[in-house]
Amino acid sequence: MNEFVLVLGMAVVTFSVRYPVMVLVSKIPMPQSIFNALRYVPPAVLAAIVVPAVLMPEGTIELSLSNSYLIAAIICVVVAWRTNNLLLTIVLGMGAMLGWRALIG
């Protein structure tokens, strides 16, 4: 029950902070360049989350063959670039990470 109240409280705070901004922005005409720039927000946020986890799995930068996250990320980038298939990218990336961990030990 306590977790439910915590999640509900976080949802209320998040909504109450973002809603007034959305209402104000919806009333103001925005130039097309703003909308074009906003298209890059999701990839930038995803990169900000993923890159530190891939490059620093132990808290320090690890650019070695023992970093299975890095090897899997490289394989994911290549598969995504060549196929544009999200499911295939996820499956091959997970398989590469698990296979590399089993191979390296």
PDB file of N, CA and C in Angstrom:
ATOM      1  N   MET A   1       0.824  -1.195   0.000  1.00  0.00           N
ATOM      2  CA  MET A   1       0.000   0.000   0.000  1.00  0.00           C
ATOM      3  C   MET A   1       0.869   1.260   0.000  1.00  0.00           C
ATOM      4  N   ASN A   2       1.955   1.220   0.745  1.00  0.00           N
ATOM      5  CA  ASN A   2       2.844   2.372   0.839  1.00  0.00           C
ATOM      6  C   ASN A   2       3.475   2.688  -0.513  1.00  0.00           C
ATOM      7  N   GLU A   3       3.823   1.636  -1.276  1.00  0.00           N
ATOM      8  CA  GLU A   3       4.406   1.842  -2.598  1.00  0.00           C
ATOM      9  C   GLU A   3       3.399   2.480  -3.547  1.00  0.00           C
ATOM     10  N   PHE A   4       2.149   2.080  -3.417  1.00  0.00           N
ATOM     11  CA  PHE A   4       1.093   2.651  -4.258  1.00  0.00           C
ATOM     12  C   PHE A   4       0.952   4.144  -4.010  1.00  0.00           C
ATOM     13  N   VAL A   5       0.943   4.533  -2.753  1.00  0.00           N
ATOM     14  CA  VAL A   5       0.846   5.956  -2.409  1.00  0.00           C
ATOM     15  C   VAL A   5       2.066   6.712  -2.941  1.00  0.00           C
ATOM     16  N   LEU A   6       3.240   6.110  -2.856  1.00  0.00           N
ATOM     17  CA  LEU A   6       4.457   6.737  -3.356  1.00  0.00           C
ATOM     18  C   LEU A   6       4.392   6.951  -4.875  1.00  0.00           C
ATOM     19  N   VAL A   7       3.991   5.930  -5.607  1.00  0.00           N
ATOM     20  CA  VAL A   7       3.877   6.041  -7.065  1.00  0.00           C
ATOM     21  C   VAL A   7       2.797   7.049  -7.442  1.00  0.00           C
ATOM     22  N   LEU A   8       1.685   7.019  -6.753  1.00  0.00           N
ATOM     23  CA  LEU A   8       0.617   7.976  -7.018  1.00  0.00           C
ATOM     24  C   LEU A   8       1.090   9.409  -6.752  1.00  0.00           C
ATOM     25  N   GLY A   9       1.820   9.611  -5.669  1.00  0.00           N
ATOM     26  CA  GLY A   9       2.361  10.934  -5.357  1.00  0.00           C
ATOM     27  C   GLY A   9       3.327  11.417  -6.417  1.00  0.00           C
ATOM     28  N   MET A  10       4.195  10.514  -6.898  1.00  0.00           N
ATOM     29  CA  MET A  10       5.131  10.893  -7.962  1.00  0.00           C
ATOM     30  C   MET A  10       4.382  11.249  -9.237  1.00  0.00           C
ATOM     31  N   ALA A  11       3.319  10.518  -9.546  1.00  0.00           N
ATOM     32  CA  ALA A  11       2.534  10.805 -10.749  1.00  0.00           C
ATOM     33  C   ALA A  11       1.860  12.169 -10.635  1.00  0.00           C
ATOM     34  N   VAL A  12       1.313  12.476  -9.467  1.00  0.00           N
ATOM     35  CA  VAL A  12       0.652  13.771  -9.269  1.00  0.00           C
ATOM     36  C   VAL A  12       1.652  14.913  -9.400  1.00  0.00           C
ATOM     37  N   VAL A  13       2.822  14.773  -8.789  1.00  0.00           N
ATOM     38  CA  VAL A  13       3.835  15.823  -8.876  1.00  0.00           C
ATOM     39  C   VAL A  13       4.310  16.000 -10.313  1.00  0.00           C
ATOM     40  N   THR A  14       4.569  14.906 -11.011  1.00  0.00           N
ATOM     41  CA  THR A  14       5.018  14.991 -12.405  1.00  0.00           C
ATOM     42  C   THR A  14       3.956  15.658 -13.272  1.00  0.00           C
ATOM     43  N   PHE A  15       2.727  15.250 -13.101  1.00  0.00           N
ATOM     44  CA  PHE A  15       1.635  15.834 -13.891  1.00  0.00           C
ATOM     45  C   PHE A  15       1.460  17.310 -13.574  1.00  0.00           C
ATOM     46  N   SER A  16       1.495  17.678 -12.294  1.00  0.00           N
ATOM     47  CA  SER A  16       1.257  19.073 -11.909  1.00  0.00           C
ATOM     48  C   SER A  16       2.380  20.002 -12.375  1.00  0.00           C
ATOM     49  N   VAL A  17       3.580  19.476 -12.557  1.00  0.00           N
ATOM     50  CA  VAL A  17       4.675  20.298 -13.055  1.00  0.00           C
ATOM     51  C   VAL A  17       4.590  20.454 -14.569  1.00  0.00           C
ATOM     52  N   ARG A  18       4.193  19.425 -15.276  1.00  0.00           N
ATOM     53  CA  ARG A  18       4.223  19.456 -16.741  1.00  0.00           C
ATOM     54  C   ARG A  18       2.956  20.012 -17.370  1.00  0.00           C
ATOM     55  N   TYR A  19       1.821  19.824 -16.752  1.00  0.00           N
ATOM     56  CA  TYR A  19       0.552  20.231 -17.363  1.00  0.00           C
ATOM     57  C   TYR A  19       0.464  21.731 -17.636  1.00  0.00           C
ATOM     58  N   PRO A  20       0.794  22.600 -16.684  1.00  0.00           N
ATOM     59  CA  PRO A  20       0.699  24.040 -16.989  1.00  0.00           C
ATOM     60  C   PRO A  20       1.575  24.462 -18.170  1.00  0.00           C
ATOM     61  N   VAL A  21       2.749  23.871 -18.296  1.00  0.00           N
ATOM     62  CA  VAL A  21       3.622  24.207 -19.425  1.00  0.00           C
ATOM     63  C   VAL A  21       2.985  23.761 -20.735  1.00  0.00           C
ATOM     64  N   MET A  22       2.409  22.574 -20.751  1.00  0.00           N
ATOM     65  CA  MET A  22       1.758  22.095 -21.978  1.00  0.00           C
ATOM     66  C   MET A  22       0.578  22.978 -22.360  1.00  0.00           C
ATOM     67  N   VAL A  23      -0.187  23.434 -21.373  1.00  0.00           N
ATOM     68  CA  VAL A  23      -1.329  24.300 -21.665  1.00  0.00           C
ATOM     69  C   VAL A  23      -0.855  25.625 -22.237  1.00  0.00           C
ATOM     70  N   LEU A  24       0.191  26.212 -21.640  1.00  0.00           N
ATOM     71  CA  LEU A  24       0.701  27.492 -22.136  1.00  0.00           C
ATOM     72  C   LEU A  24       1.291  27.360 -23.538  1.00  0.00           C
ATOM     73  N   VAL A  25       2.041  26.304 -23.768  1.00  0.00           N
ATOM     74  CA  VAL A  25       2.673  26.113 -25.073  1.00  0.00           C
ATOM     75  C   VAL A  25       1.626  25.847 -26.152  1.00  0.00           C
ATOM     76  N   SER A  26       0.546  25.172 -25.798  1.00  0.00           N
ATOM     77  CA  SER A  26      -0.480  24.872 -26.805  1.00  0.00           C
ATOM     78  C   SER A  26      -1.215  26.129 -27.252  1.00  0.00           C
ATOM     79  N   LYS A  27      -1.196  27.195 -26.465  1.00  0.00           N
ATOM     80  CA  LYS A  27      -1.875  28.438 -26.826  1.00  0.00           C
ATOM     81  C   LYS A  27      -1.008  29.356 -27.686  1.00  0.00           C
ATOM     82  N   ILE A  28       0.313  29.120 -27.688  1.00  0.00           N
ATOM     83  CA  ILE A  28       1.237  29.976 -28.422  1.00  0.00           C
ATOM     84  C   ILE A  28       1.596  29.293 -29.735  1.00  0.00           C
ATOM     85  N   PRO A  29       1.501  30.014 -30.855  1.00  0.00           N
ATOM     86  CA  PRO A  29       1.933  29.401 -32.122  1.00  0.00           C
ATOM     87  C   PRO A  29       3.455  29.220 -32.125  1.00  0.00           C
ATOM     88  N   MET A  30       3.878  28.025 -32.461  1.00  0.00           N
ATOM     89  CA  MET A  30       5.295  27.706 -32.452  1.00  0.00           C
ATOM     90  C   MET A  30       5.798  27.585 -33.887  1.00  0.00           C
ATOM     91  N   PRO A  31       7.019  28.059 -34.139  1.00  0.00           N
ATOM     92  CA  PRO A  31       7.582  27.899 -35.490  1.00  0.00           C
ATOM     93  C   PRO A  31       7.902  26.428 -35.786  1.00  0.00           C
ATOM     94  N   GLN A  32       7.919  26.106 -37.043  1.00  0.00           N
ATOM     95  CA  GLN A  32       8.181  24.724 -37.461  1.00  0.00           C
ATOM     96  C   GLN A  32       9.563  24.266 -37.035  1.00  0.00           C
ATOM     97  N   SER A  33      10.528  25.172 -36.922  1.00  0.00           N
ATOM     98  CA  SER A  33      11.880  24.780 -36.510  1.00  0.00           C
ATOM     99  C   SER A  33      11.899  24.219 -35.092  1.00  0.00           C
ATOM    100  N   ILE A  34      11.014  24.694 -34.224  1.00  0.00           N
ATOM    101  CA  ILE A  34      10.922  24.154 -32.860  1.00  0.00           C
ATOM    102  C   ILE A  34      10.443  22.705 -32.922  1.00  0.00           C
ATOM    103  N   PHE A  35       9.424  22.448 -33.720  1.00  0.00           N
ATOM    104  CA  PHE A  35       8.922  21.080 -33.840  1.00  0.00           C
ATOM    105  C   PHE A  35       9.961  20.156 -34.461  1.00  0.00           C
ATOM    106  N   ASN A  36      10.716  20.667 -35.420  1.00  0.00           N
ATOM    107  CA  ASN A  36      11.786  19.867 -36.007  1.00  0.00           C
ATOM    108  C   ASN A  36      12.858  19.541 -34.975  1.00  0.00           C
ATOM    109  N   ALA A  37      13.194  20.497 -34.127  1.00  0.00           N
ATOM    110  CA  ALA A  37      14.204  20.264 -33.088  1.00  0.00           C
ATOM    111  C   ALA A  37      13.697  19.290 -32.034  1.00  0.00           C
ATOM    112  N   LEU A  38      12.423  19.345 -31.703  1.00  0.00           N
ATOM    113  CA  LEU A  38      11.865  18.453 -30.684  1.00  0.00           C
ATOM    114  C   LEU A  38      11.857  16.992 -31.121  1.00  0.00           C
ATOM    115  N   ARG A  39      11.968  16.731 -32.413  1.00  0.00           N
ATOM    116  CA  ARG A  39      12.037  15.346 -32.893  1.00  0.00           C
ATOM    117  C   ARG A  39      13.281  14.635 -32.379  1.00  0.00           C
ATOM    118  N   TYR A  40      14.322  15.402 -32.026  1.00  0.00           N
ATOM    119  CA  TYR A  40      15.581  14.810 -31.582  1.00  0.00           C
ATOM    120  C   TYR A  40      15.648  14.594 -30.075  1.00  0.00           C
ATOM    121  N   VAL A  41      14.621  14.971 -29.347  1.00  0.00           N
ATOM    122  CA  VAL A  41      14.648  14.816 -27.893  1.00  0.00           C
ATOM    123  C   VAL A  41      14.637  13.342 -27.476  1.00  0.00           C
ATOM    124  N   PRO A  42      13.738  12.494 -27.984  1.00  0.00           N
ATOM    125  CA  PRO A  42      13.759  11.093 -27.549  1.00  0.00           C
ATOM    126  C   PRO A  42      15.080  10.366 -27.816  1.00  0.00           C
ATOM    127  N   PRO A  43      15.693  10.492 -29.014  1.00  0.00           N
ATOM    128  CA  PRO A  43      16.986   9.825 -29.190  1.00  0.00           C
ATOM    129  C   PRO A  43      18.068  10.373 -28.260  1.00  0.00           C
ATOM    130  N   ALA A  44      18.031  11.673 -27.981  1.00  0.00           N
ATOM    131  CA  ALA A  44      19.034  12.253 -27.090  1.00  0.00           C
ATOM    132  C   ALA A  44      18.868  11.742 -25.665  1.00  0.00           C
ATOM    133  N   VAL A  45      17.639  11.620 -25.205  1.00  0.00           N
ATOM    134  CA  VAL A  45      17.389  11.098 -23.858  1.00  0.00           C
ATOM    135  C   VAL A  45      17.791   9.629 -23.776  1.00  0.00           C
ATOM    136  N   LEU A  46      17.446   8.854 -24.794  1.00  0.00           N
ATOM    137  CA  LEU A  46      17.828   7.441 -24.809  1.00  0.00           C
ATOM    138  C   LEU A  46      19.341   7.278 -24.800  1.00  0.00           C
ATOM    139  N   ALA A  47      20.040   8.085 -25.579  1.00  0.00           N
ATOM    140  CA  ALA A  47      21.502   8.022 -25.593  1.00  0.00           C
ATOM    141  C   ALA A  47      22.079   8.410 -24.241  1.00  0.00           C
ATOM    142  N   ALA A  48      21.495   9.408 -23.592  1.00  0.00           N
ATOM    143  CA  ALA A  48      21.983   9.831 -22.277  1.00  0.00           C
ATOM    144  C   ALA A  48      21.798   8.741 -21.228  1.00  0.00           C
ATOM    145  N   ILE A  49      20.825   7.887 -21.408  1.00  0.00           N
ATOM    146  CA  ILE A  49      20.597   6.790 -20.466  1.00  0.00           C
ATOM    147  C   ILE A  49      21.489   5.595 -20.794  1.00  0.00           C
ATOM    148  N   VAL A  50      21.596   5.245 -22.075  1.00  0.00           N
ATOM    149  CA  VAL A  50      22.264   4.012 -22.482  1.00  0.00           C
ATOM    150  C   VAL A  50      23.784   4.124 -22.485  1.00  0.00           C
ATOM    151  N   VAL A  51      24.325   5.221 -22.994  1.00  0.00           N
ATOM    152  CA  VAL A  51      25.776   5.328 -23.171  1.00  0.00           C
ATOM    153  C   VAL A  51      26.548   5.177 -21.855  1.00  0.00           C
ATOM    154  N   PRO A  52      26.160   5.846 -20.766  1.00  0.00           N
ATOM    155  CA  PRO A  52      26.902   5.609 -19.516  1.00  0.00           C
ATOM    156  C   PRO A  52      26.805   4.159 -19.023  1.00  0.00           C
ATOM    157  N   ALA A  53      25.649   3.533 -19.215  1.00  0.00           N
ATOM    158  CA  ALA A  53      25.501   2.142 -18.785  1.00  0.00           C
ATOM    159  C   ALA A  53      26.374   1.205 -19.610  1.00  0.00           C
ATOM    160  N   VAL A  54      26.577   1.528 -20.876  1.00  0.00           N
ATOM    161  CA  VAL A  54      27.391   0.685 -21.753  1.00  0.00           C
ATOM    162  C   VAL A  54      28.880   0.906 -21.503  1.00  0.00           C
ATOM    163  N   LEU A  55      29.279   2.157 -21.393  1.00  0.00           N
ATOM    164  CA  LEU A  55      30.698   2.460 -21.264  1.00  0.00           C
ATOM    165  C   LEU A  55      31.229   2.333 -19.837  1.00  0.00           C
ATOM    166  N   MET A  56      30.356   2.451 -18.837  1.00  0.00           N
ATOM    167  CA  MET A  56      30.804   2.415 -17.437  1.00  0.00           C
ATOM    168  C   MET A  56      29.970   1.441 -16.610  1.00  0.00           C
ATOM    169  N   PRO A  57      30.010   0.147 -16.920  1.00  0.00           N
ATOM    170  CA  PRO A  57      29.178  -0.794 -16.160  1.00  0.00           C
ATOM    171  C   PRO A  57      29.612  -0.950 -14.700  1.00  0.00           C
ATOM    172  N   GLU A  58      30.868  -0.695 -14.403  1.00  0.00           N
ATOM    173  CA  GLU A  58      31.372  -0.830 -13.037  1.00  0.00           C
ATOM    174  C   GLU A  58      31.619   0.530 -12.388  1.00  0.00           C
ATOM    175  N   GLY A  59      31.257   1.611 -13.050  1.00  0.00           N
ATOM    176  CA  GLY A  59      31.456   2.934 -12.487  1.00  0.00           C
ATOM    177  C   GLY A  59      32.634   3.690 -13.072  1.00  0.00           C
ATOM    178  N   THR A  60      33.510   2.997 -13.769  1.00  0.00           N
ATOM    179  CA  THR A  60      34.619   3.646 -14.456  1.00  0.00           C
ATOM    180  C   THR A  60      34.554   3.248 -15.929  1.00  0.00           C
ATOM    181  N   ILE A  61      35.128   4.064 -16.779  1.00  0.00           N
ATOM    182  CA  ILE A  61      35.092   3.775 -18.213  1.00  0.00           C
ATOM    183  C   ILE A  61      35.866   2.493 -18.505  1.00  0.00           C
ATOM    184  N   GLU A  62      35.195   1.573 -19.182  1.00  0.00           N
ATOM    185  CA  GLU A  62      35.792   0.264 -19.486  1.00  0.00           C
ATOM    186  C   GLU A  62      35.666  -0.003 -20.981  1.00  0.00           C
ATOM    187  N   LEU A  63      36.729   0.283 -21.711  1.00  0.00           N
ATOM    188  CA  LEU A  63      36.764   0.054 -23.157  1.00  0.00           C
ATOM    189  C   LEU A  63      37.643  -1.157 -23.444  1.00  0.00           C
ATOM    190  N   SER A  64      37.126  -2.320 -23.096  1.00  0.00           N
ATOM    191  CA  SER A  64      37.891  -3.544 -23.289  1.00  0.00           C
ATOM    192  C   SER A  64      36.975  -4.640 -23.825  1.00  0.00           C
ATOM    193  N   LEU A  65      37.583  -5.724 -24.241  1.00  0.00           N
ATOM    194  CA  LEU A  65      36.801  -6.856 -24.752  1.00  0.00           C
ATOM    195  C   LEU A  65      36.048  -7.591 -23.653  1.00  0.00           C
ATOM    196  N   SER A  66      36.369  -7.324 -22.402  1.00  0.00           N
ATOM    197  CA  SER A  66      35.644  -7.975 -21.312  1.00  0.00           C
ATOM    198  C   SER A  66      34.328  -7.265 -20.993  1.00  0.00           C
ATOM    199  N   ASN A  67      34.096  -6.118 -21.574  1.00  0.00           N
ATOM    200  CA  ASN A  67      32.847  -5.382 -21.369  1.00  0.00           C
ATOM    201  C   ASN A  67      31.784  -5.922 -22.321  1.00  0.00           C
ATOM    202  N   SER A  68      30.969  -6.828 -21.824  1.00  0.00           N
ATOM    203  CA  SER A  68      29.953  -7.459 -22.674  1.00  0.00           C
ATOM    204  C   SER A  68      28.877  -6.469 -23.103  1.00  0.00           C
ATOM    205  N   TYR A  69      28.619  -5.447 -22.296  1.00  0.00           N
ATOM    206  CA  TYR A  69      27.653  -4.428 -22.689  1.00  0.00           C
ATOM    207  C   TYR A  69      28.131  -3.669 -23.933  1.00  0.00           C
ATOM    208  N   LEU A  70      29.404  -3.361 -23.962  1.00  0.00           N
ATOM    209  CA  LEU A  70      29.969  -2.633 -25.096  1.00  0.00           C
ATOM    210  C   LEU A  70      29.921  -3.481 -26.371  1.00  0.00           C
ATOM    211  N   ILE A  71      30.294  -4.740 -26.270  1.00  0.00           N
ATOM    212  CA  ILE A  71      30.265  -5.632 -27.431  1.00  0.00           C
ATOM    213  C   ILE A  71      28.833  -5.773 -27.948  1.00  0.00           C
ATOM    214  N   ALA A  72      27.876  -5.974 -27.034  1.00  0.00           N
ATOM    215  CA  ALA A  72      26.474  -6.108 -27.443  1.00  0.00           C
ATOM    216  C   ALA A  72      25.954  -4.810 -28.047  1.00  0.00           C
ATOM    217  N   ALA A  73      26.367  -3.668 -27.501  1.00  0.00           N
ATOM    218  CA  ALA A  73      25.912  -2.380 -28.049  1.00  0.00           C
ATOM    219  C   ALA A  73      26.440  -2.165 -29.453  1.00  0.00           C
ATOM    220  N   ILE A  74      27.678  -2.528 -29.695  1.00  0.00           N
ATOM    221  CA  ILE A  74      28.246  -2.395 -31.037  1.00  0.00           C
ATOM    222  C   ILE A  74      27.481  -3.275 -32.024  1.00  0.00           C
ATOM    223  N   ILE A  75      27.190  -4.494 -31.612  1.00  0.00           N
ATOM    224  CA  ILE A  75      26.425  -5.402 -32.472  1.00  0.00           C
ATOM    225  C   ILE A  75      25.013  -4.859 -32.698  1.00  0.00           C
ATOM    226  N   CYS A  76      24.392  -4.297 -31.662  1.00  0.00           N
ATOM    227  CA  CYS A  76      23.054  -3.710 -31.814  1.00  0.00           C
ATOM    228  C   CYS A  76      23.050  -2.542 -32.781  1.00  0.00           C
ATOM    229  N   VAL A  77      24.057  -1.697 -32.700  1.00  0.00           N
ATOM    230  CA  VAL A  77      24.131  -0.550 -33.611  1.00  0.00           C
ATOM    231  C   VAL A  77      24.248  -1.029 -35.051  1.00  0.00           C
ATOM    232  N   VAL A  78      25.084  -2.022 -35.286  1.00  0.00           N
ATOM    233  CA  VAL A  78      25.264  -2.528 -36.650  1.00  0.00           C
ATOM    234  C   VAL A  78      23.984  -3.189 -37.153  1.00  0.00           C
ATOM    235  N   VAL A  79      23.357  -4.009 -36.323  1.00  0.00           N
ATOM    236  CA  VAL A  79      22.127  -4.695 -36.742  1.00  0.00           C
ATOM    237  C   VAL A  79      21.011  -3.684 -36.996  1.00  0.00           C
ATOM    238  N   ALA A  80      20.854  -2.703 -36.110  1.00  0.00           N
ATOM    239  CA  ALA A  80      19.810  -1.693 -36.295  1.00  0.00           C
ATOM    240  C   ALA A  80      20.055  -0.864 -37.546  1.00  0.00           C
ATOM    241  N   TRP A  81      21.301  -0.536 -37.786  1.00  0.00           N
ATOM    242  CA  TRP A  81      21.647   0.267 -38.957  1.00  0.00           C
ATOM    243  C   TRP A  81      21.369  -0.499 -40.247  1.00  0.00           C
ATOM    244  N   ARG A  82      21.705  -1.781 -40.270  1.00  0.00           N
ATOM    245  CA  ARG A  82      21.569  -2.563 -41.508  1.00  0.00           C
ATOM    246  C   ARG A  82      20.140  -3.057 -41.750  1.00  0.00           C
ATOM    247  N   THR A  83      19.374  -3.349 -40.683  1.00  0.00           N
ATOM    248  CA  THR A  83      18.073  -3.992 -40.876  1.00  0.00           C
ATOM    249  C   THR A  83      16.871  -3.102 -40.565  1.00  0.00           C
ATOM    250  N   ASN A  84      17.035  -2.092 -39.706  1.00  0.00           N
ATOM    251  CA  ASN A  84      15.909  -1.273 -39.238  1.00  0.00           C
ATOM    252  C   ASN A  84      14.811  -2.138 -38.613  1.00  0.00           C
ATOM    253  N   ASN A  85      15.197  -3.235 -37.966  1.00  0.00           N
ATOM    254  CA  ASN A  85      14.253  -4.154 -37.349  1.00  0.00           C
ATOM    255  C   ASN A  85      14.504  -4.148 -35.848  1.00  0.00           C
ATOM    256  N   LEU A  86      13.567  -3.573 -35.083  1.00  0.00           N
ATOM    257  CA  LEU A  86      13.748  -3.430 -33.644  1.00  0.00           C
ATOM    258  C   LEU A  86      13.814  -4.779 -32.929  1.00  0.00           C
ATOM    259  N   LEU A  87      12.916  -5.698 -33.270  1.00  0.00           N
ATOM    260  CA  LEU A  87      12.897  -6.999 -32.606  1.00  0.00           C
ATOM    261  C   LEU A  87      14.182  -7.779 -32.875  1.00  0.00           C
ATOM    262  N   LEU A  88      14.639  -7.778 -34.092  1.00  0.00           N
ATOM    263  CA  LEU A  88      15.878  -8.465 -34.431  1.00  0.00           C
ATOM    264  C   LEU A  88      17.063  -7.840 -33.696  1.00  0.00           C
ATOM    265  N   THR A  89      17.065  -6.522 -33.589  1.00  0.00           N
ATOM    266  CA  THR A  89      18.139  -5.833 -32.878  1.00  0.00           C
ATOM    267  C   THR A  89      18.165  -6.236 -31.408  1.00  0.00           C
ATOM    268  N   ILE A  90      16.999  -6.284 -30.779  1.00  0.00           N
ATOM    269  CA  ILE A  90      16.926  -6.660 -29.367  1.00  0.00           C
ATOM    270  C   ILE A  90      17.359  -8.103 -29.166  1.00  0.00           C
ATOM    271  N   VAL A  91      16.849  -9.008 -29.987  1.00  0.00           N
ATOM    272  CA  VAL A  91      17.168 -10.433 -29.827  1.00  0.00           C
ATOM    273  C   VAL A  91      18.655 -10.688 -30.070  1.00  0.00           C
ATOM    274  N   LEU A  92      19.198 -10.138 -31.145  1.00  0.00           N
ATOM    275  CA  LEU A  92      20.619 -10.358 -31.422  1.00  0.00           C
ATOM    276  C   LEU A  92      21.506  -9.668 -30.387  1.00  0.00           C
ATOM    277  N   GLY A  93      21.096  -8.506 -29.912  1.00  0.00           N
ATOM    278  CA  GLY A  93      21.868  -7.821 -28.874  1.00  0.00           C
ATOM    279  C   GLY A  93      21.911  -8.615 -27.578  1.00  0.00           C
ATOM    280  N   MET A  94      20.770  -9.118 -27.156  1.00  0.00           N
ATOM    281  CA  MET A  94      20.741  -9.941 -25.929  1.00  0.00           C
ATOM    282  C   MET A  94      21.519 -11.237 -26.129  1.00  0.00           C
ATOM    283  N   GLY A  95      21.347 -11.845 -27.297  1.00  0.00           N
ATOM    284  CA  GLY A  95      22.100 -13.062 -27.581  1.00  0.00           C
ATOM    285  C   GLY A  95      23.597 -12.813 -27.606  1.00  0.00           C
ATOM    286  N   ALA A  96      23.997 -11.684 -28.190  1.00  0.00           N
ATOM    287  CA  ALA A  96      25.425 -11.347 -28.235  1.00  0.00           C
ATOM    288  C   ALA A  96      25.975 -11.121 -26.836  1.00  0.00           C
ATOM    289  N   MET A  97      25.229 -10.409 -25.998  1.00  0.00           N
ATOM    290  CA  MET A  97      25.710 -10.145 -24.641  1.00  0.00           C
ATOM    291  C   MET A  97      25.828 -11.439 -23.835  1.00  0.00           C
ATOM    292  N   LEU A  98      24.796 -12.259 -23.898  1.00  0.00           N
ATOM    293  CA  LEU A  98      24.838 -13.521 -23.144  1.00  0.00           C
ATOM    294  C   LEU A  98      25.904 -14.460 -23.700  1.00  0.00           C
ATOM    295  N   GLY A  99      26.007 -14.516 -25.023  1.00  0.00           N
ATOM    296  CA  GLY A  99      27.036 -15.366 -25.634  1.00  0.00           C
ATOM    297  C   GLY A  99      28.438 -14.883 -25.306  1.00  0.00           C
ATOM    298  N   TRP A 100      28.660 -13.565 -25.325  1.00  0.00           N
ATOM    299  CA  TRP A 100      29.984 -13.014 -25.002  1.00  0.00           C
ATOM    300  C   TRP A 100      30.346 -13.272 -23.551  1.00  0.00           C
ATOM    301  N   ARG A 101      29.351 -13.142 -22.666  1.00  0.00           N
ATOM    302  CA  ARG A 101      29.612 -13.422 -21.250  1.00  0.00           C
ATOM    303  C   ARG A 101      29.964 -14.898 -21.046  1.00  0.00           C
ATOM    304  N   ALA A 102      29.269 -15.784 -21.757  1.00  0.00           N
ATOM    305  CA  ALA A 102      29.577 -17.199 -21.618  1.00  0.00           C
ATOM    306  C   ALA A 102      30.955 -17.521 -22.209  1.00  0.00           C
ATOM    307  N   LEU A 103      31.307 -16.843 -23.290  1.00  0.00           N
ATOM    308  CA  LEU A 103      32.591 -17.093 -23.928  1.00  0.00           C
ATOM    309  C   LEU A 103      33.763 -16.554 -23.094  1.00  0.00           C
ATOM    310  N   ILE A 104      33.624 -15.349 -22.599  1.00  0.00           N
ATOM    311  CA  ILE A 104      34.700 -14.713 -21.820  1.00  0.00           C
ATOM    312  C   ILE A 104      34.757 -15.245 -20.393  1.00  0.00           C
ATOM    313  N   GLY A 105      33.598 -15.482 -19.819  1.00  0.00           N
ATOM    314  CA  GLY A 105      33.585 -16.044 -18.459  1.00  0.00           C
ATOM    315  C   GLY A 105      33.322 -15.075 -17.457  1.00  0.00           C
TER     316      GLY A 105
END
